[in-house]
Amino acid sequence: MKIIIAIAAISSVVAFTAPAMAEDKLVENYSICMGGAGKLPGETVTAACTYLIDEAAVENEVTGYFYAMRAIANSDRSQNCSDALKVKQLITDPKLTDTIEGLISTNCS
C-alpha cells in the first residue's frame, strides 16, 4: 500500500518525461501498470509494466515502481522474486523499506 501511495507522488514527473511521439502509448501503459492491479487481469498489468520497463531510458526509482507493480500483478513467482529484488535496488526511500522487504518475502521465499 505504501508503494502505491508513493507512486502517486511521482506520477507528475513521469507524465512530463514521456517522448511526444510515444506519449499516448506510454500514458496508457502507465495507467494500466500503476492503477490496474486488482482491477484488470494480471497479464494485462504485467504486459503494461513490462512495456514501461523496456522503454525506460535508464533504470531509476521511477522504474523501480514499475518493477514493484509487475511483481504484485504477475503470476510468475521466479520473475516476481527477481522484480522484488530489483525494487530494493532502485527504490531507496527509507519509508518504504518494510514494504519492499514484504514484497521480497512474499515473492522470494
PDB file of N, CA and C in Angstrom:
ATOM      1  N   MET A   1       0.820  -1.187   0.000  1.00  0.00           N
ATOM      2  CA  MET A   1       0.000   0.000   0.000  1.00  0.00           C
ATOM      3  C   MET A   1       0.868   1.256   0.000  1.00  0.00           C
ATOM      4  N   LYS A   2       1.940   1.264   0.786  1.00  0.00           N
ATOM      5  CA  LYS A   2       2.821   2.426   0.828  1.00  0.00           C
ATOM      6  C   LYS A   2       3.454   2.677  -0.536  1.00  0.00           C
ATOM      7  N   ILE A   3       3.748   1.597  -1.260  1.00  0.00           N
ATOM      8  CA  ILE A   3       4.333   1.758  -2.590  1.00  0.00           C
ATOM      9  C   ILE A   3       3.347   2.472  -3.504  1.00  0.00           C
ATOM     10  N   ILE A   4       2.081   2.095  -3.438  1.00  0.00           N
ATOM     11  CA  ILE A   4       1.077   2.705  -4.299  1.00  0.00           C
ATOM     12  C   ILE A   4       0.930   4.187  -3.970  1.00  0.00           C
ATOM     13  N   ILE A   5       0.968   4.548  -2.696  1.00  0.00           N
ATOM     14  CA  ILE A   5       0.878   5.952  -2.299  1.00  0.00           C
ATOM     15  C   ILE A   5       2.085   6.725  -2.817  1.00  0.00           C
ATOM     16  N   ALA A   6       3.258   6.149  -2.678  1.00  0.00           N
ATOM     17  CA  ALA A   6       4.469   6.822  -3.148  1.00  0.00           C
ATOM     18  C   ALA A   6       4.456   6.990  -4.663  1.00  0.00           C
ATOM     19  N   ILE A   7       3.828   6.061  -5.346  1.00  0.00           N
ATOM     20  CA  ILE A   7       3.748   6.122  -6.805  1.00  0.00           C
ATOM     21  C   ILE A   7       2.981   7.365  -7.247  1.00  0.00           C
ATOM     22  N   ALA A   8       1.935   7.702  -6.528  1.00  0.00           N
ATOM     23  CA  ALA A   8       1.149   8.879  -6.878  1.00  0.00           C
ATOM     24  C   ALA A   8       2.002  10.141  -6.843  1.00  0.00           C
ATOM     25  N   ALA A   9       2.948  10.180  -5.936  1.00  0.00           N
ATOM     26  CA  ALA A   9       3.809  11.354  -5.803  1.00  0.00           C
ATOM     27  C   ALA A   9       4.723  11.558  -7.008  1.00  0.00           C
ATOM     28  N   ILE A  10       5.067  10.475  -7.703  1.00  0.00           N
ATOM     29  CA  ILE A  10       5.975  10.609  -8.846  1.00  0.00           C
ATOM     30  C   ILE A  10       5.241  10.639 -10.181  1.00  0.00           C
ATOM     31  N   SER A  11       3.936  10.504 -10.153  1.00  0.00           N
ATOM     32  CA  SER A  11       3.161  10.464 -11.394  1.00  0.00           C
ATOM     33  C   SER A  11       3.383  11.687 -12.264  1.00  0.00           C
ATOM     34  N   SER A  12       3.397  12.858 -11.648  1.00  0.00           N
ATOM     35  CA  SER A  12       3.564  14.071 -12.445  1.00  0.00           C
ATOM     36  C   SER A  12       4.935  14.137 -13.095  1.00  0.00           C
ATOM     37  N   VAL A  13       5.950  13.617 -12.436  1.00  0.00           N
ATOM     38  CA  VAL A  13       7.297  13.599 -13.008  1.00  0.00           C
ATOM     39  C   VAL A  13       7.320  12.729 -14.253  1.00  0.00           C
ATOM     40  N   VAL A  14       6.726  11.554 -14.164  1.00  0.00           N
ATOM     41  CA  VAL A  14       6.706  10.639 -15.298  1.00  0.00           C
ATOM     42  C   VAL A  14       5.922  11.240 -16.459  1.00  0.00           C
ATOM     43  N   ALA A  15       4.832  11.897 -16.166  1.00  0.00           N
ATOM     44  CA  ALA A  15       3.998  12.474 -17.217  1.00  0.00           C
ATOM     45  C   ALA A  15       4.754  13.496 -18.050  1.00  0.00           C
ATOM     46  N   PHE A  16       5.695  14.191 -17.453  1.00  0.00           N
ATOM     47  CA  PHE A  16       6.434  15.221 -18.168  1.00  0.00           C
ATOM     48  C   PHE A  16       7.714  14.715 -18.815  1.00  0.00           C
ATOM     49  N   THR A  17       8.043  13.439 -18.659  1.00  0.00           N
ATOM     50  CA  THR A  17       9.273  12.921 -19.241  1.00  0.00           C
ATOM     51  C   THR A  17       9.038  12.035 -20.456  1.00  0.00           C
ATOM     52  N   ALA A  18       7.807  11.796 -20.818  1.00  0.00           N
ATOM     53  CA  ALA A  18       7.499  10.911 -21.939  1.00  0.00           C
ATOM     54  C   ALA A  18       7.765  11.608 -23.272  1.00  0.00           C
ATOM     55  N   PRO A  19       8.431  10.919 -24.202  1.00  0.00           N
ATOM     56  CA  PRO A  19       8.631  11.486 -25.539  1.00  0.00           C
ATOM     57  C   PRO A  19       7.282  11.709 -26.224  1.00  0.00           C
ATOM     58  N   ALA A  20       7.161  12.793 -26.961  1.00  0.00           N
ATOM     59  CA  ALA A  20       5.882  13.170 -27.563  1.00  0.00           C
ATOM     60  C   ALA A  20       5.322  12.104 -28.493  1.00  0.00           C
ATOM     61  N   MET A  21       6.165  11.483 -29.319  1.00  0.00           N
ATOM     62  CA  MET A  21       5.642  10.543 -30.309  1.00  0.00           C
ATOM     63  C   MET A  21       5.096   9.260 -29.691  1.00  0.00           C
ATOM     64  N   ALA A  22       5.542   8.898 -28.531  1.00  0.00           N
ATOM     65  CA  ALA A  22       5.071   7.668 -27.894  1.00  0.00           C
ATOM     66  C   ALA A  22       4.225   7.967 -26.667  1.00  0.00           C
ATOM     67  N   GLU A  23       3.869   9.221 -26.501  1.00  0.00           N
ATOM     68  CA  GLU A  23       3.195   9.647 -25.281  1.00  0.00           C
ATOM     69  C   GLU A  23       1.900   8.894 -25.016  1.00  0.00           C
ATOM     70  N   ASP A  24       1.046   8.734 -26.022  1.00  0.00           N
ATOM     71  CA  ASP A  24      -0.230   8.057 -25.813  1.00  0.00           C
ATOM     72  C   ASP A  24      -0.042   6.632 -25.318  1.00  0.00           C
ATOM     73  N   LYS A  25       0.871   5.908 -25.944  1.00  0.00           N
ATOM     74  CA  LYS A  25       1.115   4.518 -25.544  1.00  0.00           C
ATOM     75  C   LYS A  25       1.725   4.464 -24.144  1.00  0.00           C
ATOM     76  N   LEU A  26       2.624   5.387 -23.840  1.00  0.00           N
ATOM     77  CA  LEU A  26       3.213   5.437 -22.501  1.00  0.00           C
ATOM     78  C   LEU A  26       2.162   5.765 -21.450  1.00  0.00           C
ATOM     79  N   VAL A  27       1.315   6.731 -21.737  1.00  0.00           N
ATOM     80  CA  VAL A  27       0.274   7.122 -20.788  1.00  0.00           C
ATOM     81  C   VAL A  27      -0.685   5.961 -20.552  1.00  0.00           C
ATOM     82  N   GLU A  28      -1.076   5.288 -21.615  1.00  0.00           N
ATOM     83  CA  GLU A  28      -1.983   4.145 -21.490  1.00  0.00           C
ATOM     84  C   GLU A  28      -1.350   3.040 -20.650  1.00  0.00           C
ATOM     85  N   ASN A  29      -0.113   2.681 -20.961  1.00  0.00           N
ATOM     86  CA  ASN A  29       0.554   1.620 -20.211  1.00  0.00           C
ATOM     87  C   ASN A  29       0.841   2.038 -18.775  1.00  0.00           C
ATOM     88  N   TYR A  30       1.168   3.301 -18.567  1.00  0.00           N
ATOM     89  CA  TYR A  30       1.389   3.809 -17.214  1.00  0.00           C
ATOM     90  C   TYR A  30       0.116   3.666 -16.382  1.00  0.00           C
ATOM     91  N   SER A  31      -1.001   4.060 -16.966  1.00  0.00           N
ATOM     92  CA  SER A  31      -2.285   3.971 -16.277  1.00  0.00           C
ATOM     93  C   SER A  31      -2.620   2.527 -15.913  1.00  0.00           C
ATOM     94  N   ILE A  32      -2.392   1.617 -16.836  1.00  0.00           N
ATOM     95  CA  ILE A  32      -2.674   0.200 -16.590  1.00  0.00           C
ATOM     96  C   ILE A  32      -1.716  -0.362 -15.550  1.00  0.00           C
ATOM     97  N   CYS A  33      -0.431  -0.090 -15.700  1.00  0.00           N
ATOM     98  CA  CYS A  33       0.575  -0.625 -14.779  1.00  0.00           C
ATOM     99  C   CYS A  33       0.345  -0.117 -13.359  1.00  0.00           C
ATOM    100  N   MET A  34       0.150   1.170 -13.217  1.00  0.00           N
ATOM    101  CA  MET A  34       0.079   1.767 -11.894  1.00  0.00           C
ATOM    102  C   MET A  34      -1.302   1.673 -11.261  1.00  0.00           C
ATOM    103  N   GLY A  35      -2.336   1.519 -12.045  1.00  0.00           N
ATOM    104  CA  GLY A  35      -3.674   1.507 -11.474  1.00  0.00           C
ATOM    105  C   GLY A  35      -4.492   0.270 -11.750  1.00  0.00           C
ATOM    106  N   GLY A  36      -3.904  -0.695 -12.446  1.00  0.00           N
ATOM    107  CA  GLY A  36      -4.688  -1.849 -12.862  1.00  0.00           C
ATOM    108  C   GLY A  36      -4.687  -3.036 -11.924  1.00  0.00           C
ATOM    109  N   ALA A  37      -3.749  -3.082 -10.979  1.00  0.00           N
ATOM    110  CA  ALA A  37      -3.653  -4.235 -10.073  1.00  0.00           C
ATOM    111  C   ALA A  37      -4.962  -4.412  -9.312  1.00  0.00           C
ATOM    112  N   GLY A  38      -5.517  -5.607  -9.403  1.00  0.00           N
ATOM    113  CA  GLY A  38      -6.770  -5.916  -8.739  1.00  0.00           C
ATOM    114  C   GLY A  38      -8.001  -5.525  -9.537  1.00  0.00           C
ATOM    115  N   LYS A  39      -7.826  -4.741 -10.577  1.00  0.00           N
ATOM    116  CA  LYS A  39      -8.948  -4.294 -11.404  1.00  0.00           C
ATOM    117  C   LYS A  39      -8.936  -4.937 -12.783  1.00  0.00           C
ATOM    118  N   LEU A  40      -7.746  -5.205 -13.284  1.00  0.00           N
ATOM    119  CA  LEU A  40      -7.566  -5.790 -14.612  1.00  0.00           C
ATOM    120  C   LEU A  40      -6.864  -7.134 -14.467  1.00  0.00           C
ATOM    121  N   PRO A  41      -6.945  -7.979 -15.500  1.00  0.00           N
ATOM    122  CA  PRO A  41      -6.216  -9.254 -15.430  1.00  0.00           C
ATOM    123  C   PRO A  41      -4.726  -9.019 -15.193  1.00  0.00           C
ATOM    124  N   GLY A  42      -4.129  -9.891 -14.398  1.00  0.00           N
ATOM    125  CA  GLY A  42      -2.710  -9.775 -14.083  1.00  0.00           C
ATOM    126  C   GLY A  42      -1.832  -9.722 -15.313  1.00  0.00           C
ATOM    127  N   GLU A  43      -2.208 -10.473 -16.354  1.00  0.00           N
ATOM    128  CA  GLU A  43      -1.414 -10.491 -17.580  1.00  0.00           C
ATOM    129  C   GLU A  43      -1.407  -9.121 -18.255  1.00  0.00           C
ATOM    130  N   THR A  44      -2.524  -8.423 -18.177  1.00  0.00           N
ATOM    131  CA  THR A  44      -2.630  -7.092 -18.777  1.00  0.00           C
ATOM    132  C   THR A  44      -1.737  -6.105 -18.043  1.00  0.00           C
ATOM    133  N   VAL A  45      -1.787  -6.145 -16.716  1.00  0.00           N
ATOM    134  CA  VAL A  45      -0.962  -5.257 -15.893  1.00  0.00           C
ATOM    135  C   VAL A  45       0.513  -5.587 -16.093  1.00  0.00           C
ATOM    136  N   THR A  46       0.832  -6.873 -16.094  1.00  0.00           N
ATOM    137  CA  THR A  46       2.215  -7.309 -16.285  1.00  0.00           C
ATOM    138  C   THR A  46       2.758  -6.819 -17.626  1.00  0.00           C
ATOM    139  N   ALA A  47       1.967  -6.948 -18.679  1.00  0.00           N
ATOM    140  CA  ALA A  47       2.406  -6.501 -20.008  1.00  0.00           C
ATOM    141  C   ALA A  47       2.641  -4.990 -20.029  1.00  0.00           C
ATOM    142  N   ALA A  48       1.768  -4.234 -19.392  1.00  0.00           N
ATOM    143  CA  ALA A  48       1.926  -2.774 -19.361  1.00  0.00           C
ATOM    144  C   ALA A  48       3.184  -2.379 -18.596  1.00  0.00           C
ATOM    145  N   CYS A  49       3.406  -3.010 -17.449  1.00  0.00           N
ATOM    146  CA  CYS A  49       4.605  -2.703 -16.662  1.00  0.00           C
ATOM    147  C   CYS A  49       5.868  -3.106 -17.414  1.00  0.00           C
ATOM    148  N   THR A  50       5.820  -4.250 -18.081  1.00  0.00           N
ATOM    149  CA  THR A  50       6.968  -4.705 -18.866  1.00  0.00           C
ATOM    150  C   THR A  50       7.275  -3.707 -19.980  1.00  0.00           C
ATOM    151  N   TYR A  51       6.249  -3.209 -20.638  1.00  0.00           N
ATOM    152  CA  TYR A  51       6.444  -2.200 -21.684  1.00  0.00           C
ATOM    153  C   TYR A  51       7.177  -0.983 -21.119  1.00  0.00           C
ATOM    154  N   LEU A  52       6.728  -0.498 -19.965  1.00  0.00           N
ATOM    155  CA  LEU A  52       7.350   0.686 -19.356  1.00  0.00           C
ATOM    156  C   LEU A  52       8.794   0.421 -18.953  1.00  0.00           C
ATOM    157  N   ILE A  53       9.051  -0.761 -18.416  1.00  0.00           N
ATOM    158  CA  ILE A  53      10.424  -1.131 -18.033  1.00  0.00           C
ATOM    159  C   ILE A  53      11.308  -1.183 -19.276  1.00  0.00           C
ATOM    160  N   ASP A  54      10.804  -1.821 -20.320  1.00  0.00           N
ATOM    161  CA  ASP A  54      11.584  -1.956 -21.556  1.00  0.00           C
ATOM    162  C   ASP A  54      11.830  -0.616 -22.244  1.00  0.00           C
ATOM    163  N   GLU A  55      10.906   0.309 -22.117  1.00  0.00           N
ATOM    164  CA  GLU A  55      11.022   1.609 -22.778  1.00  0.00           C
ATOM    165  C   GLU A  55      11.809   2.631 -21.959  1.00  0.00           C
ATOM    166  N   ALA A  56      12.090   2.327 -20.719  1.00  0.00           N
ATOM    167  CA  ALA A  56      12.806   3.282 -19.863  1.00  0.00           C
ATOM    168  C   ALA A  56      14.215   3.527 -20.398  1.00  0.00           C
ATOM    169  N   ALA A  57      14.588   4.783 -20.482  1.00  0.00           N
ATOM    170  CA  ALA A  57      15.930   5.134 -20.959  1.00  0.00           C
ATOM    171  C   ALA A  57      16.989   4.757 -19.927  1.00  0.00           C
ATOM    172  N   VAL A  58      16.624   4.847 -18.665  1.00  0.00           N
ATOM    173  CA  VAL A  58      17.521   4.475 -17.566  1.00  0.00           C
ATOM    174  C   VAL A  58      16.693   3.782 -16.493  1.00  0.00           C
ATOM    175  N   GLU A  59      17.364   2.994 -15.680  1.00  0.00           N
ATOM    176  CA  GLU A  59      16.681   2.402 -14.535  1.00  0.00           C
ATOM    177  C   GLU A  59      16.928   3.306 -13.343  1.00  0.00           C
ATOM    178  N   ASN A  60      15.825   3.757 -12.743  1.00  0.00           N
ATOM    179  CA  ASN A  60      15.907   4.631 -11.590  1.00  0.00           C
ATOM    180  C   ASN A  60      14.737   4.328 -10.659  1.00  0.00           C
ATOM    181  N   GLU A  61      14.498   5.213  -9.717  1.00  0.00           N
ATOM    182  CA  GLU A  61      13.439   4.956  -8.744  1.00  0.00           C
ATOM    183  C   GLU A  61      12.070   4.835  -9.403  1.00  0.00           C
ATOM    184  N   VAL A  62      11.809   5.628 -10.416  1.00  0.00           N
ATOM    185  CA  VAL A  62      10.534   5.534 -11.129  1.00  0.00           C
ATOM    186  C   VAL A  62      10.379   4.144 -11.736  1.00  0.00           C
ATOM    187  N   THR A  63      11.413   3.664 -12.385  1.00  0.00           N
ATOM    188  CA  THR A  63      11.380   2.318 -12.964  1.00  0.00           C
ATOM    189  C   THR A  63      11.168   1.278 -11.872  1.00  0.00           C
ATOM    190  N   GLY A  64      11.705   1.528 -10.692  1.00  0.00           N
ATOM    191  CA  GLY A  64      11.518   0.622  -9.562  1.00  0.00           C
ATOM    192  C   GLY A  64      10.051   0.407  -9.231  1.00  0.00           C
ATOM    193  N   TYR A  65       9.246   1.455  -9.364  1.00  0.00           N
ATOM    194  CA  TYR A  65       7.815   1.308  -9.106  1.00  0.00           C
ATOM    195  C   TYR A  65       7.153   0.422 -10.155  1.00  0.00           C
ATOM    196  N   PHE A  66       7.621   0.474 -11.387  1.00  0.00           N
ATOM    197  CA  PHE A  66       7.078  -0.408 -12.425  1.00  0.00           C
ATOM    198  C   PHE A  66       7.412  -1.865 -12.102  1.00  0.00           C
ATOM    199  N   TYR A  67       8.641  -2.098 -11.637  1.00  0.00           N
ATOM    200  CA  TYR A  67       9.020  -3.450 -11.211  1.00  0.00           C
ATOM    201  C   TYR A  67       8.137  -3.906 -10.048  1.00  0.00           C
ATOM    202  N   ALA A  68       7.868  -3.007  -9.111  1.00  0.00           N
ATOM    203  CA  ALA A  68       7.037  -3.359  -7.956  1.00  0.00           C
ATOM    204  C   ALA A  68       5.635  -3.756  -8.391  1.00  0.00           C
ATOM    205  N   MET A  69       5.045  -2.970  -9.267  1.00  0.00           N
ATOM    206  CA  MET A  69       3.690  -3.276  -9.713  1.00  0.00           C
ATOM    207  C   MET A  69       3.657  -4.561 -10.533  1.00  0.00           C
ATOM    208  N   ARG A  70       4.702  -4.817 -11.303  1.00  0.00           N
ATOM    209  CA  ARG A  70       4.753  -6.074 -12.058  1.00  0.00           C
ATOM    210  C   ARG A  70       4.861  -7.250 -11.099  1.00  0.00           C
ATOM    211  N   ALA A  71       5.646  -7.112 -10.049  1.00  0.00           N
ATOM    212  CA  ALA A  71       5.781  -8.190  -9.064  1.00  0.00           C
ATOM    213  C   ALA A  71       4.458  -8.459  -8.354  1.00  0.00           C
ATOM    214  N   ILE A  72       3.671  -7.424  -8.148  1.00  0.00           N
ATOM    215  CA  ILE A  72       2.375  -7.583  -7.491  1.00  0.00           C
ATOM    216  C   ILE A  72       1.375  -8.265  -8.420  1.00  0.00           C
ATOM    217  N   ALA A  73       1.386  -7.925  -9.696  1.00  0.00           N
ATOM    218  CA  ALA A  73       0.374  -8.409 -10.641  1.00  0.00           C
ATOM    219  C   ALA A  73       0.721  -9.727 -11.320  1.00  0.00           C
ATOM    220  N   ASN A  74       1.992 -10.054 -11.420  1.00  0.00           N
ATOM    221  CA  ASN A  74       2.448 -11.199 -12.205  1.00  0.00           C
ATOM    222  C   ASN A  74       2.200 -12.514 -11.475  1.00  0.00           C
ATOM    223  N   SER A  75       1.999 -13.578 -12.224  1.00  0.00           N
ATOM    224  CA  SER A  75       1.810 -14.904 -11.631  1.00  0.00           C
ATOM    225  C   SER A  75       3.072 -15.763 -11.716  1.00  0.00           C
ATOM    226  N   ASP A  76       4.127 -15.252 -12.314  1.00  0.00           N
ATOM    227  CA  ASP A  76       5.394 -15.975 -12.442  1.00  0.00           C
ATOM    228  C   ASP A  76       6.256 -15.694 -11.210  1.00  0.00           C
ATOM    229  N   ARG A  77       6.252 -16.631 -10.269  1.00  0.00           N
ATOM    230  CA  ARG A  77       6.913 -16.426  -8.979  1.00  0.00           C
ATOM    231  C   ARG A  77       8.406 -16.137  -9.127  1.00  0.00           C
ATOM    232  N   SER A  78       9.078 -16.801 -10.033  1.00  0.00           N
ATOM    233  CA  SER A  78      10.505 -16.574 -10.244  1.00  0.00           C
ATOM    234  C   SER A  78      10.762 -15.150 -10.735  1.00  0.00           C
ATOM    235  N   GLN A  79       9.966 -14.704 -11.691  1.00  0.00           N
ATOM    236  CA  GLN A  79      10.090 -13.331 -12.196  1.00  0.00           C
ATOM    237  C   GLN A  79       9.746 -12.330 -11.102  1.00  0.00           C
ATOM    238  N   ASN A  80       8.734 -12.655 -10.294  1.00  0.00           N
ATOM    239  CA  ASN A  80       8.338 -11.759  -9.207  1.00  0.00           C
ATOM    240  C   ASN A  80       9.470 -11.559  -8.219  1.00  0.00           C
ATOM    241  N   CYS A  81      10.187 -12.620  -7.897  1.00  0.00           N
ATOM    242  CA  CYS A  81      11.320 -12.521  -6.973  1.00  0.00           C
ATOM    243  C   CYS A  81      12.392 -11.620  -7.573  1.00  0.00           C
ATOM    244  N   SER A  82      12.701 -11.837  -8.815  1.00  0.00           N
ATOM    245  CA  SER A  82      13.690 -11.004  -9.495  1.00  0.00           C
ATOM    246  C   SER A  82      13.257  -9.537  -9.496  1.00  0.00           C
ATOM    247  N   ASP A  83      11.980  -9.303  -9.774  1.00  0.00           N
ATOM    248  CA  ASP A  83      11.457  -7.933  -9.778  1.00  0.00           C
ATOM    249  C   ASP A  83      11.515  -7.315  -8.386  1.00  0.00           C
ATOM    250  N   ALA A  84      11.153  -8.077  -7.371  1.00  0.00           N
ATOM    251  CA  ALA A  84      11.177  -7.562  -5.998  1.00  0.00           C
ATOM    252  C   ALA A  84      12.593  -7.175  -5.582  1.00  0.00           C
ATOM    253  N   LEU A  85      13.566  -7.979  -5.957  1.00  0.00           N
ATOM    254  CA  LEU A  85      14.960  -7.647  -5.646  1.00  0.00           C
ATOM    255  C   LEU A  85      15.401  -6.390  -6.401  1.00  0.00           C
ATOM    256  N   LYS A  86      14.900  -6.219  -7.614  1.00  0.00           N
ATOM    257  CA  LYS A  86      15.209  -5.015  -8.393  1.00  0.00           C
ATOM    258  C   LYS A  86      14.589  -3.781  -7.729  1.00  0.00           C
ATOM    259  N   VAL A  87      13.401  -3.952  -7.172  1.00  0.00           N
ATOM    260  CA  VAL A  87      12.750  -2.860  -6.449  1.00  0.00           C
ATOM    261  C   VAL A  87      13.641  -2.391  -5.304  1.00  0.00           C
ATOM    262  N   LYS A  88      14.180  -3.340  -4.563  1.00  0.00           N
ATOM    263  CA  LYS A  88      15.054  -2.995  -3.434  1.00  0.00           C
ATOM    264  C   LYS A  88      16.279  -2.216  -3.910  1.00  0.00           C
ATOM    265  N   GLN A  89      16.785  -2.571  -5.056  1.00  0.00           N
ATOM    266  CA  GLN A  89      17.957  -1.899  -5.619  1.00  0.00           C
ATOM    267  C   GLN A  89      17.628  -0.470  -6.072  1.00  0.00           C
ATOM    268  N   LEU A  90      16.442  -0.271  -6.625  1.00  0.00           N
ATOM    269  CA  LEU A  90      16.114   1.004  -7.259  1.00  0.00           C
ATOM    270  C   LEU A  90      15.376   2.006  -6.365  1.00  0.00           C
ATOM    271  N   ILE A  91      14.550   1.514  -5.462  1.00  0.00           N
ATOM    272  CA  ILE A  91      13.780   2.421  -4.601  1.00  0.00           C
ATOM    273  C   ILE A  91      14.502   2.564  -3.272  1.00  0.00           C
ATOM    274  N   THR A  92      14.951   3.762  -2.995  1.00  0.00           N
ATOM    275  CA  THR A  92      15.800   3.993  -1.824  1.00  0.00           C
ATOM    276  C   THR A  92      15.102   4.739  -0.691  1.00  0.00           C
ATOM    277  N   ASP A  93      13.834   5.022  -0.827  1.00  0.00           N
ATOM    278  CA  ASP A  93      13.098   5.736   0.213  1.00  0.00           C
ATOM    279  C   ASP A  93      13.038   4.881   1.477  1.00  0.00           C
ATOM    280  N   PRO A  94      13.644   5.343   2.580  1.00  0.00           N
ATOM    281  CA  PRO A  94      13.668   4.540   3.804  1.00  0.00           C
ATOM    282  C   PRO A  94      12.275   4.261   4.365  1.00  0.00           C
ATOM    283  N   LYS A  95      11.294   5.076   4.028  1.00  0.00           N
ATOM    284  CA  LYS A  95       9.924   4.849   4.494  1.00  0.00           C
ATOM    285  C   LYS A  95       9.308   3.613   3.848  1.00  0.00           C
ATOM    286  N   LEU A  96       9.877   3.158   2.748  1.00  0.00           N
ATOM    287  CA  LEU A  96       9.333   2.003   2.029  1.00  0.00           C
ATOM    288  C   LEU A  96      10.103   0.717   2.299  1.00  0.00           C
ATOM    289  N   THR A  97      11.104   0.779   3.166  1.00  0.00           N
ATOM    290  CA  THR A  97      11.951  -0.392   3.425  1.00  0.00           C
ATOM    291  C   THR A  97      11.133  -1.603   3.853  1.00  0.00           C
ATOM    292  N   ASP A  98      10.237  -1.437   4.824  1.00  0.00           N
ATOM    293  CA  ASP A  98       9.439  -2.569   5.301  1.00  0.00           C
ATOM    294  C   ASP A  98       8.523  -3.111   4.208  1.00  0.00           C
ATOM    295  N   THR A  99       7.936  -2.224   3.434  1.00  0.00           N
ATOM    296  CA  THR A  99       7.055  -2.643   2.343  1.00  0.00           C
ATOM    297  C   THR A  99       7.833  -3.426   1.291  1.00  0.00           C
ATOM    298  N   ILE A 100       9.011  -2.943   0.961  1.00  0.00           N
ATOM    299  CA  ILE A 100       9.850  -3.628  -0.030  1.00  0.00           C
ATOM    300  C   ILE A 100      10.295  -4.981   0.501  1.00  0.00           C
ATOM    301  N   GLU A 101      10.676  -5.037   1.763  1.00  0.00           N
ATOM    302  CA  GLU A 101      11.069  -6.319   2.362  1.00  0.00           C
ATOM    303  C   GLU A 101       9.895  -7.294   2.353  1.00  0.00           C
ATOM    304  N   GLY A 102       8.682  -6.793   2.565  1.00  0.00           N
ATOM    305  CA  GLY A 102       7.495  -7.638   2.486  1.00  0.00           C
ATOM    306  C   GLY A 102       7.272  -8.173   1.083  1.00  0.00           C
ATOM    307  N   LEU A 103       7.517  -7.342   0.085  1.00  0.00           N
ATOM    308  CA  LEU A 103       7.397  -7.769  -1.311  1.00  0.00           C
ATOM    309  C   LEU A 103       8.401  -8.876  -1.614  1.00  0.00           C
ATOM    310  N   ILE A 104       9.613  -8.707  -1.111  1.00  0.00           N
ATOM    311  CA  ILE A 104      10.652  -9.730  -1.299  1.00  0.00           C
ATOM    312  C   ILE A 104      10.267 -11.007  -0.573  1.00  0.00           C
ATOM    313  N   SER A 105       9.825 -10.880   0.664  1.00  0.00           N
ATOM    314  CA  SER A 105       9.439 -12.053   1.454  1.00  0.00           C
ATOM    315  C   SER A 105       8.306 -12.828   0.780  1.00  0.00           C
ATOM    316  N   THR A 106       7.329 -12.112   0.278  1.00  0.00           N
ATOM    317  CA  THR A 106       6.189 -12.746  -0.385  1.00  0.00           C
ATOM    318  C   THR A 106       6.599 -13.480  -1.656  1.00  0.00           C
ATOM    319  N   ASN A 107       7.531 -12.916  -2.393  1.00  0.00           N
ATOM    320  CA  ASN A 107       7.862 -13.448  -3.715  1.00  0.00           C
ATOM    321  C   ASN A 107       9.121 -14.295  -3.792  1.00  0.00           C
ATOM    322  N   CYS A 108       9.956 -14.246  -2.776  1.00  0.00           N
ATOM    323  CA  CYS A 108      11.252 -14.936  -2.866  1.00  0.00           C
ATOM    324  C   CYS A 108      11.417 -16.070  -1.857  1.00  0.00           C
ATOM    325  N   SER A 109      10.387 -16.383  -1.114  1.00  0.00           N
ATOM    326  CA  SER A 109      10.550 -17.470  -0.131  1.00  0.00           C
ATOM    327  C   SER A 109       9.727 -18.683  -0.479  1.00  0.00           C
TER     328      SER A 109
END
